Amino acid sequence: MEIELTEREFMYPGHVGCPGCGAAIAMRFVLKALGEKMMMVMPACCWSVIAGPYPTSTLKIPVIHSAFETGGATASGVRAALDMKGDTETTVVTWAGDGGTFDIGFQALSGAVERNENFIYVCYDNEAYMNTGIQRSSSTPYGAWTTTTPGKDWKKMRKKNIVEALAAHRIPYAATASISHPEDLIRKVRKAHAIKGSRFLHIFASCPTGWKIPSEMAVKIARMAVQTNIFPLYEVEDGLHYTINLKPKRFPVREYFKIQGRFQHLTDQDLDVIQKMVDEDWELLLRKAGEHA
């Protein structure tokens, strides 16, 4: 399906994001999909820095910088204030990293979506606390090196499935998306925009600095995550109805892992374990969607 986008840009050039920053790519797509009639809540994250300190800004929309743990609560308050003013047209968006979503901000997010607050929550996922030095989060995948899981102490726990956690709240809409598939991403942003209530978008946003990859590999590595089924693209409506948006070629996971510095310590046996995990997760997702391999 062909996607039409406005030529207008809602980001100024020259921001301070790292070269190849997947989070910056994700922001550009989301802003183009939503347009200017929006307000953004931004808990502490990489984008708190990229957006720039007051009175300067990278973004051409109103932004409220909130505490790390309050993305869901702040968005709820902004939505209530706009409603009291009779403004039902402005879209409220929370833009947070995985640390402020999976971990520190999960309590406020869970409370907000349990009330079915009318906002879009976007998590750009670079799989660690990148802004403060590449520390492990519950989004960090099994096998990854971080500064808090160094050497032989690489992360031994699986990545939290945040979409399943949000779907369990029976919210109207939750979906995954990736910077490697912009048409799918933009379609999902616009679909979320057309729905009322709590909507959640989990966007895979590669981080060359934290993942130890060349900056020019940012989009390719995100595409490989989809093609290996490490990051499947799907939607969940009302917590019940699953739609798989892409059935990939299912390349071996080692093709994805071997080109990232954060996984160079893994053995062939470790990669076999990870492949089994990925296959199990994919089979489970197929069953939920009522499909077969």
Protein backbone atom coordinates (compact mmCIF):
# COMPACT_ATOMS: atom_id res chain seq x y z
CA MET A 1 0.00 0.00 0.00
CA GLU A 2 1.42 3.37 -1.02
CA ILE A 3 1.69 5.87 1.82
CA GLU A 4 1.52 9.60 1.15
CA LEU A 5 3.43 11.91 3.47
CA THR A 6 3.52 15.64 3.79
CA GLU A 7 6.74 17.26 2.58
CA ARG A 8 6.68 19.44 5.67
CA GLU A 9 9.26 18.58 8.29
CA PHE A 10 8.54 18.81 12.01
CA MET A 11 12.17 18.37 13.05
CA TYR A 12 14.87 20.97 12.59
CA PRO A 13 18.15 19.73 11.06
CA GLY A 14 21.29 19.67 13.12
CA HIS A 15 20.01 17.88 16.22
CA VAL A 16 22.51 16.24 18.58
CA GLY A 17 21.43 12.63 18.09
CA CYS A 18 24.22 10.17 17.37
CA PRO A 19 24.91 9.37 13.70
CA GLY A 20 22.49 6.66 12.56
CA CYS A 21 20.21 7.13 15.58
CA GLY A 22 17.14 4.95 15.05
CA ALA A 23 15.16 7.00 17.55
CA ALA A 24 15.61 10.13 15.41
CA ILE A 25 14.41 8.24 12.33
CA ALA A 26 11.39 6.99 14.25
CA MET A 27 10.51 10.48 15.47
CA ARG A 28 10.62 11.92 11.96
CA PHE A 29 8.21 9.29 10.65
CA VAL A 30 5.79 9.61 13.57
CA LEU A 31 5.65 13.41 13.34
CA LYS A 32 5.02 13.28 9.59
CA ALA A 33 2.23 10.75 10.13
CA LEU A 34 0.49 12.77 12.86
CA GLY A 35 1.04 16.37 11.72
CA GLU A 36 1.25 19.49 13.83
CA LYS A 37 -2.00 19.18 15.84
CA MET A 38 -0.36 17.38 18.73
CA MET A 39 1.39 17.80 22.07
CA MET A 40 4.19 15.52 23.16
CA VAL A 41 5.10 14.34 26.65
CA MET A 42 8.74 13.27 26.87
CA PRO A 43 10.05 11.49 29.98
CA ALA A 44 13.81 11.37 30.53
CA CYS A 45 15.45 9.52 27.64
CA CYS A 46 17.86 10.06 24.75
CA TRP A 47 15.30 12.32 23.15
CA SER A 48 15.32 14.60 26.18
CA VAL A 49 18.80 15.55 25.00
CA ILE A 50 18.14 15.39 21.26
CA ALA A 51 15.15 17.72 21.62
CA GLY A 52 17.42 20.37 23.10
CA PRO A 53 17.42 22.43 26.33
CA TYR A 54 14.99 25.33 26.79
CA PRO A 55 14.61 27.74 25.03
CA THR A 56 15.91 25.83 21.99
CA SER A 57 14.19 22.81 20.45
CA THR A 58 14.69 20.30 17.67
CA LEU A 59 10.92 19.84 17.34
CA LYS A 60 8.28 22.12 15.85
CA ILE A 61 5.55 20.97 18.25
CA PRO A 62 4.83 21.67 21.94
CA VAL A 63 6.83 19.35 24.21
CA ILE A 64 6.50 18.77 27.96
CA HIS A 65 9.59 17.21 29.52
CA SER A 66 8.46 15.04 32.43
CA ALA A 67 10.13 12.96 35.11
CA PHE A 68 11.43 9.55 34.09
CA GLU A 69 8.60 7.62 35.72
CA THR A 70 5.63 9.82 34.81
CA GLY A 71 5.04 9.51 31.07
CA GLY A 72 1.62 7.93 31.43
CA ALA A 73 0.50 10.19 34.29
CA THR A 74 1.65 13.41 32.63
CA ALA A 75 -0.08 12.50 29.36
CA SER A 76 -3.27 11.77 31.31
CA GLY A 77 -3.12 15.25 32.85
CA VAL A 78 -2.43 16.98 29.54
CA ARG A 79 -5.35 15.15 27.95
CA ALA A 80 -7.66 16.16 30.82
CA ALA A 81 -6.57 19.81 30.55
CA LEU A 82 -7.20 19.90 26.80
CA ASP A 83 -10.61 18.30 27.26
CA MET A 84 -11.55 20.92 29.87
CA LYS A 85 -10.65 23.60 27.34
CA GLY A 86 -12.90 21.93 24.78
CA ASP A 87 -9.95 20.90 22.62
CA THR A 88 -10.72 17.42 21.35
CA GLU A 89 -8.61 17.75 18.19
CA THR A 90 -5.11 17.90 19.65
CA THR A 91 -3.51 14.48 19.91
CA VAL A 92 -1.50 13.76 23.07
CA VAL A 93 1.55 11.55 22.53
CA THR A 94 4.00 10.20 25.08
CA TRP A 95 7.42 9.54 23.56
CA ALA A 96 9.64 7.37 25.77
CA GLY A 97 12.55 4.98 25.56
CA ASP A 98 12.54 1.40 26.77
CA GLY A 99 13.88 2.35 30.19
CA GLY A 100 11.03 4.81 30.75
CA THR A 101 8.48 2.31 29.43
CA PHE A 102 9.48 -1.26 30.31
CA ASP A 103 10.94 -0.32 33.70
CA ILE A 104 10.81 3.06 35.41
CA GLY A 105 7.66 4.33 33.70
CA PHE A 106 5.66 1.11 33.66
CA GLN A 107 3.63 1.85 36.80
CA ALA A 108 2.29 5.15 35.45
CA LEU A 109 1.74 3.63 32.01
CA SER A 110 -0.17 0.66 33.42
CA GLY A 111 -2.34 2.93 35.54
CA ALA A 112 -3.13 5.21 32.61
CA VAL A 113 -4.09 2.45 30.19
CA GLU A 114 -6.14 0.66 32.84
CA ARG A 115 -8.25 3.85 32.86
CA ASN A 116 -8.16 3.80 29.04
CA GLU A 117 -6.80 7.35 28.92
CA ASN A 118 -7.11 8.88 25.48
CA PHE A 119 -3.52 9.22 24.27
CA ILE A 120 -0.91 7.47 22.14
CA TYR A 121 2.10 6.06 23.95
CA VAL A 122 5.15 5.48 21.74
CA CYS A 123 8.12 3.52 23.00
CA TYR A 124 11.20 3.77 20.80
CA ASP A 125 13.16 0.71 21.81
CA ASN A 126 16.95 0.75 21.61
CA GLU A 127 17.20 -2.06 24.15
CA ALA A 128 19.13 -0.36 26.98
CA TYR A 129 19.49 2.87 28.95
CA MET A 130 21.53 4.45 26.17
CA ASN A 131 21.40 8.09 27.28
CA THR A 132 23.12 7.36 30.59
CA GLY A 133 25.78 4.91 29.41
CA ILE A 134 24.35 1.70 27.91
CA GLN A 135 22.98 0.08 31.07
CA ARG A 136 20.81 -3.03 30.95
CA SER A 137 17.01 -2.63 30.91
CA SER A 138 14.30 -5.29 30.86
CA SER A 139 14.15 -4.63 27.12
CA THR A 140 17.79 -5.68 26.70
CA PRO A 141 17.77 -9.02 24.85
CA TYR A 142 19.15 -12.29 26.14
CA GLY A 143 22.86 -12.49 25.40
CA ALA A 144 23.61 -8.78 25.17
CA TRP A 145 26.62 -6.97 26.58
CA THR A 146 25.93 -3.72 28.43
CA THR A 147 28.00 -1.72 30.91
CA THR A 148 26.03 -3.36 33.74
CA THR A 149 26.19 -6.85 32.18
CA PRO A 150 29.85 -6.94 31.11
CA GLY A 151 32.13 -9.78 30.08
CA LYS A 152 30.96 -13.19 31.30
CA ASP A 153 28.03 -11.51 33.04
CA TRP A 154 26.13 -10.82 29.80
CA LYS A 155 22.38 -10.70 30.24
CA LYS A 156 20.97 -14.15 30.99
CA MET A 157 17.27 -13.18 31.07
CA ARG A 158 14.89 -12.87 28.15
CA LYS A 159 13.57 -9.56 26.91
CA LYS A 160 10.26 -8.47 28.41
CA ASN A 161 7.37 -8.70 25.93
CA ILE A 162 5.94 -5.23 26.43
CA VAL A 163 3.21 -5.51 23.79
CA GLU A 164 1.82 -8.60 25.53
CA ALA A 165 1.86 -6.70 28.83
CA LEU A 166 -0.13 -3.85 27.29
CA ALA A 167 -2.47 -6.20 25.44
CA ALA A 168 -3.26 -7.82 28.79
CA HIS A 169 -4.80 -4.47 29.79
CA ARG A 170 -7.29 -4.96 26.90
CA ILE A 171 -6.51 -1.55 25.42
CA PRO A 172 -8.02 -0.70 22.02
CA TYR A 173 -4.76 -0.92 20.11
CA ALA A 174 -1.17 -2.13 20.57
CA ALA A 175 1.33 -2.76 17.80
CA THR A 176 4.97 -3.26 16.94
CA ALA A 177 6.72 -1.28 14.21
CA SER A 178 10.26 -0.74 12.94
CA ILE A 179 12.25 2.03 11.33
CA SER A 180 13.13 -0.52 8.64
CA HIS A 181 9.50 -0.70 7.44
CA PRO A 182 8.32 2.92 7.25
CA GLU A 183 5.08 2.24 5.36
CA ASP A 184 3.97 -0.23 8.04
CA LEU A 185 5.04 2.18 10.80
CA ILE A 186 3.18 5.15 9.34
CA ARG A 187 0.05 3.11 8.68
CA LYS A 188 0.00 2.00 12.30
CA VAL A 189 0.53 5.54 13.59
CA ARG A 190 -2.40 6.76 11.53
CA LYS A 191 -4.54 3.81 12.60
CA ALA A 192 -3.75 4.59 16.23
CA HIS A 193 -4.59 8.25 15.61
CA ALA A 194 -8.07 7.29 14.38
CA ILE A 195 -8.85 5.27 17.52
CA LYS A 196 -9.94 6.72 20.86
CA GLY A 197 -8.62 5.46 24.15
CA SER A 198 -5.19 4.13 25.04
CA ARG A 199 -2.99 3.20 22.11
CA PHE A 200 0.53 1.77 22.33
CA LEU A 201 3.23 1.61 19.66
CA HIS A 202 6.46 -0.30 20.20
CA ILE A 203 9.03 0.90 17.64
CA PHE A 204 12.31 -0.92 17.08
CA ALA A 205 14.96 1.82 16.95
CA SER A 206 18.55 0.68 16.51
CA CYS A 207 21.40 2.37 18.40
CA PRO A 208 24.78 2.21 16.62
CA THR A 209 26.60 3.51 19.70
CA GLY A 210 25.18 1.01 22.17
CA TRP A 211 25.01 -1.91 19.78
CA LYS A 212 28.55 -1.40 18.47
CA ILE A 213 27.62 -1.24 14.79
CA PRO A 214 28.55 1.25 12.06
CA SER A 215 26.07 4.13 11.83
CA GLU A 216 25.25 3.25 8.22
CA MET A 217 23.96 -0.16 9.43
CA ALA A 218 21.14 1.30 11.53
CA VAL A 219 18.29 0.56 9.14
CA LYS A 220 19.76 -2.70 7.82
CA ILE A 221 20.13 -4.15 11.32
CA ALA A 222 16.52 -3.21 12.10
CA ARG A 223 15.39 -4.95 8.92
CA MET A 224 17.37 -8.05 9.93
CA ALA A 225 15.60 -8.09 13.29
CA VAL A 226 12.30 -8.37 11.44
CA GLN A 227 13.54 -10.90 8.89
CA THR A 228 14.91 -13.23 11.59
CA ASN A 229 11.67 -13.00 13.64
CA ILE A 230 13.57 -11.42 16.51
CA PHE A 231 11.20 -8.46 16.19
CA PRO A 232 7.95 -9.52 14.44
CA LEU A 233 5.54 -6.92 13.10
CA TYR A 234 2.00 -7.38 14.41
CA GLU A 235 -1.04 -5.66 15.90
CA VAL A 236 -3.36 -6.49 18.81
CA GLU A 237 -6.82 -4.95 18.95
CA ASP A 238 -8.82 -4.93 22.20
CA GLY A 239 -6.27 -7.31 23.68
CA LEU A 240 -7.80 -10.20 21.75
CA HIS A 241 -7.43 -9.93 18.00
CA TYR A 242 -3.93 -10.50 16.63
CA THR A 243 -2.83 -9.62 13.10
CA ILE A 244 0.64 -10.53 11.83
CA ASN A 245 1.66 -7.87 9.30
CA LEU A 246 4.65 -9.64 7.77
CA LYS A 247 5.74 -13.24 7.51
CA PRO A 248 9.49 -12.90 6.97
CA LYS A 249 12.00 -15.23 5.35
CA ARG A 250 13.17 -16.31 8.81
CA PHE A 251 16.90 -15.97 8.32
CA PRO A 252 19.03 -17.64 11.06
CA VAL A 253 19.43 -15.39 14.09
CA ARG A 254 23.23 -15.74 13.94
CA GLU A 255 23.18 -13.54 10.81
CA TYR A 256 21.79 -10.74 13.00
CA PHE A 257 23.99 -11.34 16.02
CA LYS A 258 27.38 -11.78 14.37
CA ILE A 259 27.57 -8.20 13.04
CA GLN A 260 26.90 -6.50 16.40
CA GLY A 261 29.69 -5.87 18.86
CA ARG A 262 27.38 -6.30 21.84
CA PHE A 263 26.97 -10.01 21.00
CA GLN A 264 30.54 -10.95 19.99
CA HIS A 265 31.08 -13.00 23.16
CA LEU A 266 28.30 -15.49 22.30
CA THR A 267 29.24 -19.04 21.31
CA ASP A 268 27.54 -21.20 18.70
CA GLN A 269 25.79 -23.00 21.54
CA ASP A 270 24.49 -19.69 22.89
CA LEU A 271 23.15 -18.79 19.46
CA ASP A 272 21.41 -22.16 19.20
CA VAL A 273 19.63 -21.40 22.48
CA ILE A 274 18.56 -17.98 21.19
CA GLN A 275 17.33 -19.49 17.91
CA LYS A 276 15.13 -21.88 19.87
CA MET A 277 13.71 -18.97 21.91
CA VAL A 278 12.92 -16.98 18.77
CA ASP A 279 11.24 -20.00 17.13
CA GLU A 280 9.15 -20.65 20.24
CA ASP A 281 8.00 -17.03 20.40
CA TRP A 282 7.08 -17.01 16.71
CA GLU A 283 5.05 -20.22 17.02
CA LEU A 284 3.20 -18.74 19.98
CA LEU A 285 2.43 -15.56 18.05
CA LEU A 286 1.14 -17.62 15.12
CA ARG A 287 -1.22 -19.49 17.42
CA LYS A 288 -2.53 -16.26 18.90
CA ALA A 289 -3.20 -14.96 15.40
CA GLY A 290 -4.90 -18.21 14.42
CA GLU A 291 -2.28 -18.95 11.77
CA HIS A 292 0.13 -21.76 10.96
CA ALA A 293 3.84 -21.77 10.17
